[in-house]
Amino acid sequence: MRNGSQRYNSLKQDDRTEAQKATHQWGVVAKDKFMSGWGGASNGASRCAWACAPDVNIDRVENWVRSRSEMIYVNVVDLNTYRPPAGTAHFRIYVANADHPAARY
């Protein structure tokens, strides 16, 4: 399904509240090579993002994501403008507040 707001046929799950969508603008995105190709992403890639709270060091979150062997194509993005690439079947946005393990990595 292609339209002006989505370039991919995908299931999107966003764990942020409406308030967090304004405050947790920057995030770390990656393709999950383990979860891609089956389950909710059986027709393509599984991508995820960690939306960072303003008081979270995004470099630490990026390092944490990069340290995970199943994560590839890791980038810091503006989640307000980011659109997953074509071929993405599942896209999940997690919340990285100060108590998230990645924030202490």
PDB file of N, CA and C in Angstrom:
ATOM      1  N   MET A   1       0.857  -1.166   0.000  1.00  0.00           N
ATOM      2  CA  MET A   1       0.000   0.000   0.000  1.00  0.00           C
ATOM      3  C   MET A   1       0.905   1.231   0.000  1.00  0.00           C
ATOM      4  N   ARG A   2       0.825   2.013  -1.017  1.00  0.00           N
ATOM      5  CA  ARG A   2       1.631   3.228  -1.104  1.00  0.00           C
ATOM      6  C   ARG A   2       0.705   4.430  -1.067  1.00  0.00           C
ATOM      7  N   ASN A   3       1.048   5.372  -0.214  1.00  0.00           N
ATOM      8  CA  ASN A   3       0.318   6.630  -0.174  1.00  0.00           C
ATOM      9  C   ASN A   3       1.274   7.718   0.281  1.00  0.00           C
ATOM     10  N   GLY A   4       0.780   8.902   0.457  1.00  0.00           N
ATOM     11  CA  GLY A   4       1.650  10.023   0.799  1.00  0.00           C
ATOM     12  C   GLY A   4       2.338   9.898   2.136  1.00  0.00           C
ATOM     13  N   SER A   5       1.780   9.147   3.075  1.00  0.00           N
ATOM     14  CA  SER A   5       2.382   9.072   4.402  1.00  0.00           C
ATOM     15  C   SER A   5       3.249   7.833   4.609  1.00  0.00           C
ATOM     16  N   GLN A   6       3.089   6.816   3.758  1.00  0.00           N
ATOM     17  CA  GLN A   6       3.871   5.605   3.918  1.00  0.00           C
ATOM     18  C   GLN A   6       4.338   5.112   2.557  1.00  0.00           C
ATOM     19  N   ARG A   7       5.632   4.771   2.457  1.00  0.00           N
ATOM     20  CA  ARG A   7       6.178   4.235   1.223  1.00  0.00           C
ATOM     21  C   ARG A   7       6.261   2.725   1.282  1.00  0.00           C
ATOM     22  N   TYR A   8       5.763   2.130   2.313  1.00  0.00           N
ATOM     23  CA  TYR A   8       5.932   0.707   2.529  1.00  0.00           C
ATOM     24  C   TYR A   8       4.636   0.121   3.050  1.00  0.00           C
ATOM     25  N   ASN A   9       4.447  -1.164   2.817  1.00  0.00           N
ATOM     26  CA  ASN A   9       3.299  -1.879   3.351  1.00  0.00           C
ATOM     27  C   ASN A   9       3.757  -2.471   4.672  1.00  0.00           C
ATOM     28  N   SER A  10       3.404  -1.840   5.769  1.00  0.00           N
ATOM     29  CA  SER A  10       4.036  -2.174   7.028  1.00  0.00           C
ATOM     30  C   SER A  10       3.094  -2.068   8.208  1.00  0.00           C
ATOM     31  N   LEU A  11       3.415  -2.839   9.214  1.00  0.00           N
ATOM     32  CA  LEU A  11       2.776  -2.704  10.517  1.00  0.00           C
ATOM     33  C   LEU A  11       3.673  -1.797  11.340  1.00  0.00           C
ATOM     34  N   LYS A  12       3.114  -0.716  11.864  1.00  0.00           N
ATOM     35  CA  LYS A  12       3.895   0.207  12.681  1.00  0.00           C
ATOM     36  C   LYS A  12       3.335   0.200  14.092  1.00  0.00           C
ATOM     37  N   GLN A  13       4.228   0.020  15.063  1.00  0.00           N
ATOM     38  CA  GLN A  13       3.874   0.087  16.474  1.00  0.00           C
ATOM     39  C   GLN A  13       4.725   1.181  17.104  1.00  0.00           C
ATOM     40  N   ASP A  14       4.082   2.139  17.712  1.00  0.00           N
ATOM     41  CA  ASP A  14       4.795   3.245  18.344  1.00  0.00           C
ATOM     42  C   ASP A  14       4.429   3.247  19.829  1.00  0.00           C
ATOM     43  N   ASP A  15       5.412   2.952  20.682  1.00  0.00           N
ATOM     44  CA  ASP A  15       5.177   2.867  22.124  1.00  0.00           C
ATOM     45  C   ASP A  15       5.123   4.228  22.812  1.00  0.00           C
ATOM     46  N   ARG A  16       5.423   5.309  22.084  1.00  0.00           N
ATOM     47  CA  ARG A  16       5.411   6.643  22.696  1.00  0.00           C
ATOM     48  C   ARG A  16       3.985   7.114  22.942  1.00  0.00           C
ATOM     49  N   THR A  17       3.799   7.860  24.022  1.00  0.00           N
ATOM     50  CA  THR A  17       2.524   8.530  24.259  1.00  0.00           C
ATOM     51  C   THR A  17       2.448   9.731  23.316  1.00  0.00           C
ATOM     52  N   GLU A  18       1.304  10.353  23.231  1.00  0.00           N
ATOM     53  CA  GLU A  18       1.181  11.557  22.392  1.00  0.00           C
ATOM     54  C   GLU A  18       2.136  12.645  22.877  1.00  0.00           C
ATOM     55  N   ALA A  19       2.286  12.792  24.182  1.00  0.00           N
ATOM     56  CA  ALA A  19       3.213  13.792  24.724  1.00  0.00           C
ATOM     57  C   ALA A  19       4.659  13.447  24.364  1.00  0.00           C
ATOM     58  N   GLN A  20       5.004  12.155  24.418  1.00  0.00           N
ATOM     59  CA  GLN A  20       6.369  11.746  24.091  1.00  0.00           C
ATOM     60  C   GLN A  20       6.685  11.923  22.609  1.00  0.00           C
ATOM     61  N   LYS A  21       5.697  11.911  21.763  1.00  0.00           N
ATOM     62  CA  LYS A  21       5.948  12.140  20.336  1.00  0.00           C
ATOM     63  C   LYS A  21       6.512  13.539  20.103  1.00  0.00           C
ATOM     64  N   ALA A  22       6.202  14.467  21.001  1.00  0.00           N
ATOM     65  CA  ALA A  22       6.742  15.827  20.904  1.00  0.00           C
ATOM     66  C   ALA A  22       8.115  15.928  21.561  1.00  0.00           C
ATOM     67  N   THR A  23       8.344  15.182  22.638  1.00  0.00           N
ATOM     68  CA  THR A  23       9.597  15.305  23.384  1.00  0.00           C
ATOM     69  C   THR A  23      10.662  14.290  22.973  1.00  0.00           C
ATOM     70  N   HIS A  24      10.260  13.149  22.496  1.00  0.00           N
ATOM     71  CA  HIS A  24      11.180  12.072  22.110  1.00  0.00           C
ATOM     72  C   HIS A  24      11.308  12.056  20.583  1.00  0.00           C
ATOM     73  N   GLN A  25      11.796  13.144  20.041  1.00  0.00           N
ATOM     74  CA  GLN A  25      11.862  13.334  18.591  1.00  0.00           C
ATOM     75  C   GLN A  25      13.019  12.571  17.950  1.00  0.00           C
ATOM     76  N   TRP A  26      14.152  12.520  18.620  1.00  0.00           N
ATOM     77  CA  TRP A  26      15.337  11.888  18.054  1.00  0.00           C
ATOM     78  C   TRP A  26      15.425  10.441  18.485  1.00  0.00           C
ATOM     79  N   GLY A  27      15.847   9.584  17.563  1.00  0.00           N
ATOM     80  CA  GLY A  27      15.923   8.174  17.879  1.00  0.00           C
ATOM     81  C   GLY A  27      17.032   7.473  17.127  1.00  0.00           C
ATOM     82  N   VAL A  28      17.256   6.243  17.529  1.00  0.00           N
ATOM     83  CA  VAL A  28      18.231   5.374  16.884  1.00  0.00           C
ATOM     84  C   VAL A  28      17.444   4.273  16.182  1.00  0.00           C
ATOM     85  N   VAL A  29      17.622   4.152  14.872  1.00  0.00           N
ATOM     86  CA  VAL A  29      16.909   3.140  14.094  1.00  0.00           C
ATOM     87  C   VAL A  29      17.879   2.063  13.631  1.00  0.00           C
ATOM     88  N   ALA A  30      17.334   0.866  13.404  1.00  0.00           N
ATOM     89  CA  ALA A  30      18.147  -0.250  12.928  1.00  0.00           C
ATOM     90  C   ALA A  30      17.259  -1.280  12.252  1.00  0.00           C
ATOM     91  N   LYS A  31      17.881  -2.093  11.440  1.00  0.00           N
ATOM     92  CA  LYS A  31      17.212  -3.262  10.870  1.00  0.00           C
ATOM     93  C   LYS A  31      17.587  -4.452  11.744  1.00  0.00           C
ATOM     94  N   ASP A  32      16.591  -5.216  12.145  1.00  0.00           N
ATOM     95  CA  ASP A  32      16.806  -6.407  12.966  1.00  0.00           C
ATOM     96  C   ASP A  32      16.928  -7.606  12.037  1.00  0.00           C
ATOM     97  N   LYS A  33      18.154  -8.087  11.830  1.00  0.00           N
ATOM     98  CA  LYS A  33      18.353  -9.174  10.877  1.00  0.00           C
ATOM     99  C   LYS A  33      17.805 -10.502  11.385  1.00  0.00           C
ATOM    100  N   PHE A  34      17.644 -10.652  12.688  1.00  0.00           N
ATOM    101  CA  PHE A  34      17.090 -11.886  13.242  1.00  0.00           C
ATOM    102  C   PHE A  34      15.575 -11.952  13.035  1.00  0.00           C
ATOM    103  N   MET A  35      14.878 -10.856  13.281  1.00  0.00           N
ATOM    104  CA  MET A  35      13.415 -10.844  13.201  1.00  0.00           C
ATOM    105  C   MET A  35      12.890 -10.645  11.778  1.00  0.00           C
ATOM    106  N   SER A  36      13.734 -10.246  10.856  1.00  0.00           N
ATOM    107  CA  SER A  36      13.307 -10.029   9.475  1.00  0.00           C
ATOM    108  C   SER A  36      13.006 -11.353   8.782  1.00  0.00           C
ATOM    109  N   GLY A  37      11.946 -11.341   7.974  1.00  0.00           N
ATOM    110  CA  GLY A  37      11.632 -12.502   7.155  1.00  0.00           C
ATOM    111  C   GLY A  37      10.697 -13.528   7.760  1.00  0.00           C
ATOM    112  N   TRP A  38      10.203 -13.301   8.965  1.00  0.00           N
ATOM    113  CA  TRP A  38       9.246 -14.234   9.556  1.00  0.00           C
ATOM    114  C   TRP A  38       8.356 -13.497  10.560  1.00  0.00           C
ATOM    115  N   GLY A  39       7.319 -14.161  11.037  1.00  0.00           N
ATOM    116  CA  GLY A  39       6.392 -13.557  11.999  1.00  0.00           C
ATOM    117  C   GLY A  39       5.754 -12.310  11.439  1.00  0.00           C
ATOM    118  N   GLY A  40       5.757 -11.231  12.224  1.00  0.00           N
ATOM    119  CA  GLY A  40       5.160  -9.968  11.797  1.00  0.00           C
ATOM    120  C   GLY A  40       5.880  -9.329  10.630  1.00  0.00           C
ATOM    121  N   ALA A  41       7.071  -9.804  10.321  1.00  0.00           N
ATOM    122  CA  ALA A  41       7.849  -9.265   9.201  1.00  0.00           C
ATOM    123  C   ALA A  41       8.104 -10.345   8.156  1.00  0.00           C
ATOM    124  N   SER A  42       7.146 -11.258   7.985  1.00  0.00           N
ATOM    125  CA  SER A  42       7.352 -12.384   7.072  1.00  0.00           C
ATOM    126  C   SER A  42       7.502 -11.948   5.617  1.00  0.00           C
ATOM    127  N   ASN A  43       7.014 -10.776   5.278  1.00  0.00           N
ATOM    128  CA  ASN A  43       7.094 -10.300   3.894  1.00  0.00           C
ATOM    129  C   ASN A  43       8.172  -9.237   3.700  1.00  0.00           C
ATOM    130  N   GLY A  44       9.104  -9.133   4.614  1.00  0.00           N
ATOM    131  CA  GLY A  44      10.132  -8.110   4.455  1.00  0.00           C
ATOM    132  C   GLY A  44      10.993  -7.962   5.688  1.00  0.00           C
ATOM    133  N   ALA A  45      11.465  -6.739   5.873  1.00  0.00           N
ATOM    134  CA  ALA A  45      12.397  -6.438   6.951  1.00  0.00           C
ATOM    135  C   ALA A  45      11.685  -5.988   8.217  1.00  0.00           C
ATOM    136  N   SER A  46      12.305  -6.309   9.331  1.00  0.00           N
ATOM    137  CA  SER A  46      11.856  -5.812  10.628  1.00  0.00           C
ATOM    138  C   SER A  46      12.809  -4.694  11.040  1.00  0.00           C
ATOM    139  N   ARG A  47      12.276  -3.518  11.251  1.00  0.00           N
ATOM    140  CA  ARG A  47      13.085  -2.380  11.680  1.00  0.00           C
ATOM    141  C   ARG A  47      12.538  -1.883  13.017  1.00  0.00           C
ATOM    142  N   CYS A  48      13.420  -1.267  13.786  1.00  0.00           N
ATOM    143  CA  CYS A  48      13.010  -0.740  15.079  1.00  0.00           C
ATOM    144  C   CYS A  48      13.746   0.552  15.358  1.00  0.00           C
ATOM    145  N   ALA A  49      13.204   1.281  16.314  1.00  0.00           N
ATOM    146  CA  ALA A  49      13.817   2.544  16.728  1.00  0.00           C
ATOM    147  C   ALA A  49      13.657   2.688  18.221  1.00  0.00           C
ATOM    148  N   TRP A  50      14.603   3.371  18.819  1.00  0.00           N
ATOM    149  CA  TRP A  50      14.519   3.727  20.229  1.00  0.00           C
ATOM    150  C   TRP A  50      14.414   5.240  20.279  1.00  0.00           C
ATOM    151  N   ALA A  51      13.240   5.743  20.650  1.00  0.00           N
ATOM    152  CA  ALA A  51      13.001   7.181  20.755  1.00  0.00           C
ATOM    153  C   ALA A  51      13.576   7.656  22.080  1.00  0.00           C
ATOM    154  N   CYS A  52      14.482   8.605  22.005  1.00  0.00           N
ATOM    155  CA  CYS A  52      15.220   9.024  23.198  1.00  0.00           C
ATOM    156  C   CYS A  52      14.604  10.246  23.871  1.00  0.00           C
ATOM    157  N   ALA A  53      14.480  10.149  25.179  1.00  0.00           N
ATOM    158  CA  ALA A  53      14.040  11.293  25.976  1.00  0.00           C
ATOM    159  C   ALA A  53      15.098  12.384  25.876  1.00  0.00           C
ATOM    160  N   PRO A  54      14.709  13.643  26.066  1.00  0.00           N
ATOM    161  CA  PRO A  54      15.669  14.744  25.947  1.00  0.00           C
ATOM    162  C   PRO A  54      16.867  14.638  26.898  1.00  0.00           C
ATOM    163  N   ASP A  55      16.683  13.983  28.044  1.00  0.00           N
ATOM    164  CA  ASP A  55      17.777  13.869  29.009  1.00  0.00           C
ATOM    165  C   ASP A  55      18.626  12.606  28.822  1.00  0.00           C
ATOM    166  N   VAL A  56      18.399  11.872  27.748  1.00  0.00           N
ATOM    167  CA  VAL A  56      19.145  10.650  27.467  1.00  0.00           C
ATOM    168  C   VAL A  56      20.243  10.957  26.450  1.00  0.00           C
ATOM    169  N   ASN A  57      21.437  10.453  26.712  1.00  0.00           N
ATOM    170  CA  ASN A  57      22.564  10.618  25.804  1.00  0.00           C
ATOM    171  C   ASN A  57      22.363   9.669  24.617  1.00  0.00           C
ATOM    172  N   ILE A  58      22.012  10.229  23.470  1.00  0.00           N
ATOM    173  CA  ILE A  58      21.686   9.414  22.297  1.00  0.00           C
ATOM    174  C   ILE A  58      22.894   8.620  21.800  1.00  0.00           C
ATOM    175  N   ASP A  59      24.104   9.117  22.062  1.00  0.00           N
ATOM    176  CA  ASP A  59      25.303   8.376  21.672  1.00  0.00           C
ATOM    177  C   ASP A  59      25.393   7.051  22.425  1.00  0.00           C
ATOM    178  N   ARG A  60      24.995   7.037  23.677  1.00  0.00           N
ATOM    179  CA  ARG A  60      24.991   5.796  24.461  1.00  0.00           C
ATOM    180  C   ARG A  60      23.979   4.803  23.900  1.00  0.00           C
ATOM    181  N   VAL A  61      22.809   5.324  23.534  1.00  0.00           N
ATOM    182  CA  VAL A  61      21.779   4.450  22.953  1.00  0.00           C
ATOM    183  C   VAL A  61      22.284   3.889  21.625  1.00  0.00           C
ATOM    184  N   GLU A  62      22.886   4.734  20.808  1.00  0.00           N
ATOM    185  CA  GLU A  62      23.430   4.266  19.531  1.00  0.00           C
ATOM    186  C   GLU A  62      24.485   3.179  19.762  1.00  0.00           C
ATOM    187  N   ASN A  63      25.388   3.382  20.709  1.00  0.00           N
ATOM    188  CA  ASN A  63      26.419   2.378  21.004  1.00  0.00           C
ATOM    189  C   ASN A  63      25.797   1.066  21.470  1.00  0.00           C
ATOM    190  N   TRP A  64      24.747   1.161  22.276  1.00  0.00           N
ATOM    191  CA  TRP A  64      24.055  -0.027  22.769  1.00  0.00           C
ATOM    192  C   TRP A  64      23.420  -0.801  21.612  1.00  0.00           C
ATOM    193  N   VAL A  65      22.764  -0.085  20.708  1.00  0.00           N
ATOM    194  CA  VAL A  65      22.140  -0.748  19.553  1.00  0.00           C
ATOM    195  C   VAL A  65      23.224  -1.383  18.678  1.00  0.00           C
ATOM    196  N   ARG A  66      24.298  -0.642  18.423  1.00  0.00           N
ATOM    197  CA  ARG A  66      25.392  -1.181  17.586  1.00  0.00           C
ATOM    198  C   ARG A  66      26.039  -2.418  18.213  1.00  0.00           C
ATOM    199  N   SER A  67      26.017  -2.527  19.537  1.00  0.00           N
ATOM    200  CA  SER A  67      26.631  -3.671  20.211  1.00  0.00           C
ATOM    201  C   SER A  67      25.796  -4.945  20.086  1.00  0.00           C
ATOM    202  N   ARG A  68      24.572  -4.818  19.655  1.00  0.00           N
ATOM    203  CA  ARG A  68      23.688  -5.980  19.508  1.00  0.00           C
ATOM    204  C   ARG A  68      23.939  -6.630  18.148  1.00  0.00           C
ATOM    205  N   SER A  69      24.306  -7.874  18.139  1.00  0.00           N
ATOM    206  CA  SER A  69      24.726  -8.547  16.909  1.00  0.00           C
ATOM    207  C   SER A  69      23.623  -8.667  15.863  1.00  0.00           C
ATOM    208  N   GLU A  70      22.370  -8.618  16.278  1.00  0.00           N
ATOM    209  CA  GLU A  70      21.268  -8.749  15.313  1.00  0.00           C
ATOM    210  C   GLU A  70      20.895  -7.428  14.645  1.00  0.00           C
ATOM    211  N   MET A  71      21.469  -6.319  15.100  1.00  0.00           N
ATOM    212  CA  MET A  71      21.116  -5.009  14.561  1.00  0.00           C
ATOM    213  C   MET A  71      22.126  -4.553  13.504  1.00  0.00           C
ATOM    214  N   ILE A  72      21.620  -4.160  12.338  1.00  0.00           N
ATOM    215  CA  ILE A  72      22.451  -3.633  11.257  1.00  0.00           C
ATOM    216  C   ILE A  72      21.836  -2.344  10.735  1.00  0.00           C
ATOM    217  N   TYR A  73      22.601  -1.599   9.966  1.00  0.00           N
ATOM    218  CA  TYR A  73      22.148  -0.320   9.399  1.00  0.00           C
ATOM    219  C   TYR A  73      21.649   0.621  10.501  1.00  0.00           C
ATOM    220  N   VAL A  74      22.474   0.847  11.493  1.00  0.00           N
ATOM    221  CA  VAL A  74      22.123   1.667  12.651  1.00  0.00           C
ATOM    222  C   VAL A  74      22.381   3.134  12.341  1.00  0.00           C
ATOM    223  N   ASN A  75      21.383   3.980  12.614  1.00  0.00           N
ATOM    224  CA  ASN A  75      21.500   5.417  12.356  1.00  0.00           C
ATOM    225  C   ASN A  75      20.718   6.217  13.381  1.00  0.00           C
ATOM    226  N   VAL A  76      21.146   7.449  13.607  1.00  0.00           N
ATOM    227  CA  VAL A  76      20.395   8.410  14.420  1.00  0.00           C
ATOM    228  C   VAL A  76      19.529   9.214  13.465  1.00  0.00           C
ATOM    229  N   VAL A  77      18.231   9.331  13.781  1.00  0.00           N
ATOM    230  CA  VAL A  77      17.299  10.013  12.881  1.00  0.00           C
ATOM    231  C   VAL A  77      16.327  10.895  13.658  1.00  0.00           C
ATOM    232  N   ASP A  78      15.725  11.808  12.930  1.00  0.00           N
ATOM    233  CA  ASP A  78      14.600  12.607  13.436  1.00  0.00           C
ATOM    234  C   ASP A  78      13.350  11.778  13.169  1.00  0.00           C
ATOM    235  N   LEU A  79      12.724  11.281  14.211  1.00  0.00           N
ATOM    236  CA  LEU A  79      11.558  10.415  14.046  1.00  0.00           C
ATOM    237  C   LEU A  79      10.338  11.144  13.487  1.00  0.00           C
ATOM    238  N   ASN A  80      10.356  12.481  13.526  1.00  0.00           N
ATOM    239  CA  ASN A  80       9.252  13.232  12.948  1.00  0.00           C
ATOM    240  C   ASN A  80       9.265  13.189  11.427  1.00  0.00           C
ATOM    241  N   THR A  81      10.428  12.953  10.845  1.00  0.00           N
ATOM    242  CA  THR A  81      10.523  12.937   9.382  1.00  0.00           C
ATOM    243  C   THR A  81      10.969  11.581   8.831  1.00  0.00           C
ATOM    244  N   TYR A  82      11.427  10.687   9.668  1.00  0.00           N
ATOM    245  CA  TYR A  82      11.930   9.385   9.214  1.00  0.00           C
ATOM    246  C   TYR A  82      10.802   8.533   8.652  1.00  0.00           C
ATOM    247  N   ARG A  83      11.077   7.906   7.528  1.00  0.00           N
ATOM    248  CA  ARG A  83      10.176   6.919   6.940  1.00  0.00           C
ATOM    249  C   ARG A  83      10.995   5.671   6.657  1.00  0.00           C
ATOM    250  N   PRO A  84      10.579   4.521   7.175  1.00  0.00           N
ATOM    251  CA  PRO A  84      11.324   3.291   6.900  1.00  0.00           C
ATOM    252  C   PRO A  84      11.413   3.038   5.394  1.00  0.00           C
ATOM    253  N   PRO A  85      12.515   2.453   4.945  1.00  0.00           N
ATOM    254  CA  PRO A  85      12.681   2.214   3.519  1.00  0.00           C
ATOM    255  C   PRO A  85      11.708   1.174   2.970  1.00  0.00           C
ATOM    256  N   ALA A  86      11.578   1.174   1.660  1.00  0.00           N
ATOM    257  CA  ALA A  86      10.757   0.167   0.989  1.00  0.00           C
ATOM    258  C   ALA A  86      11.240  -1.215   1.397  1.00  0.00           C
ATOM    259  N   GLY A  87      10.317  -2.135   1.530  1.00  0.00           N
ATOM    260  CA  GLY A  87      10.669  -3.489   1.951  1.00  0.00           C
ATOM    261  C   GLY A  87      10.534  -3.718   3.435  1.00  0.00           C
ATOM    262  N   THR A  88      10.187  -2.668   4.178  1.00  0.00           N
ATOM    263  CA  THR A  88       9.984  -2.810   5.619  1.00  0.00           C
ATOM    264  C   THR A  88       8.588  -3.377   5.864  1.00  0.00           C
ATOM    265  N   ALA A  89       8.519  -4.487   6.560  1.00  0.00           N
ATOM    266  CA  ALA A  89       7.236  -5.120   6.863  1.00  0.00           C
ATOM    267  C   ALA A  89       6.751  -4.791   8.267  1.00  0.00           C
ATOM    268  N   HIS A  90       7.683  -4.535   9.178  1.00  0.00           N
ATOM    269  CA  HIS A  90       7.322  -4.228  10.565  1.00  0.00           C
ATOM    270  C   HIS A  90       8.269  -3.163  11.091  1.00  0.00           C
ATOM    271  N   PHE A  91       7.695  -2.146  11.742  1.00  0.00           N
ATOM    272  CA  PHE A  91       8.495  -1.058  12.311  1.00  0.00           C
ATOM    273  C   PHE A  91       7.969  -0.761  13.704  1.00  0.00           C
ATOM    274  N   ARG A  92       8.832  -0.907  14.701  1.00  0.00           N
ATOM    275  CA  ARG A  92       8.445  -0.707  16.100  1.00  0.00           C
ATOM    276  C   ARG A  92       9.292   0.397  16.705  1.00  0.00           C
ATOM    277  N   ILE A  93       8.659   1.336  17.383  1.00  0.00           N
ATOM    278  CA  ILE A  93       9.362   2.411  18.076  1.00  0.00           C
ATOM    279  C   ILE A  93       9.243   2.166  19.576  1.00  0.00           C
ATOM    280  N   TYR A  94      10.390   1.956  20.208  1.00  0.00           N
ATOM    281  CA  TYR A  94      10.466   1.783  21.658  1.00  0.00           C
ATOM    282  C   TYR A  94      10.798   3.126  22.301  1.00  0.00           C
ATOM    283  N   VAL A  95      10.607   3.226  23.598  1.00  0.00           N
ATOM    284  CA  VAL A  95      10.912   4.452  24.331  1.00  0.00           C
ATOM    285  C   VAL A  95      12.173   4.234  25.159  1.00  0.00           C
ATOM    286  N   ALA A  96      13.135   5.143  25.004  1.00  0.00           N
ATOM    287  CA  ALA A  96      14.371   5.086  25.788  1.00  0.00           C
ATOM    288  C   ALA A  96      14.404   6.274  26.737  1.00  0.00           C
ATOM    289  N   ASN A  97      13.880   6.054  27.931  1.00  0.00           N
ATOM    290  CA  ASN A  97      13.948   7.059  28.992  1.00  0.00           C
ATOM    291  C   ASN A  97      15.229   6.832  29.785  1.00  0.00           C
ATOM    292  N   ALA A  98      15.480   7.653  30.774  1.00  0.00           N
ATOM    293  CA  ALA A  98      16.710   7.579  31.566  1.00  0.00           C
ATOM    294  C   ALA A  98      16.864   6.226  32.271  1.00  0.00           C
ATOM    295  N   ASP A  99      15.777   5.502  32.517  1.00  0.00           N
ATOM    296  CA  ASP A  99      15.852   4.207  33.193  1.00  0.00           C
ATOM    297  C   ASP A  99      16.028   3.019  32.231  1.00  0.00           C
ATOM    298  N   HIS A 100      16.091   3.288  30.938  1.00  0.00           N
ATOM    299  CA  HIS A 100      16.275   2.223  29.944  1.00  0.00           C
ATOM    300  C   HIS A 100      17.735   1.748  29.991  1.00  0.00           C
ATOM    301  N   PRO A 101      17.982   0.437  29.865  1.00  0.00           N
ATOM    302  CA  PRO A 101      19.365  -0.073  29.916  1.00  0.00           C
ATOM    303  C   PRO A 101      20.294   0.615  28.905  1.00  0.00           C
ATOM    304  N   ALA A 102      19.779   0.976  27.739  1.00  0.00           N
ATOM    305  CA  ALA A 102      20.616   1.627  26.725  1.00  0.00           C
ATOM    306  C   ALA A 102      21.122   2.983  27.176  1.00  0.00           C
ATOM    307  N   ALA A 103      20.376   3.660  28.026  1.00  0.00           N
ATOM    308  CA  ALA A 103      20.762   4.996  28.485  1.00  0.00           C
ATOM    309  C   ALA A 103      21.951   4.930  29.437  1.00  0.00           C
ATOM    310  N   ARG A 104      22.211   3.746  29.964  1.00  0.00           N
ATOM    311  CA  ARG A 104      23.330   3.584  30.910  1.00  0.00           C
ATOM    312  C   ARG A 104      24.499   2.840  30.285  1.00  0.00           C
ATOM    313  N   TYR A 105      24.411   2.543  28.981  1.00  0.00           N
ATOM    314  CA  TYR A 105      25.420   1.717  28.317  1.00  0.00           C
ATOM    315  C   TYR A 105      26.726   2.465  28.121  1.00  0.00           C
TER     316      TYR A 105
END
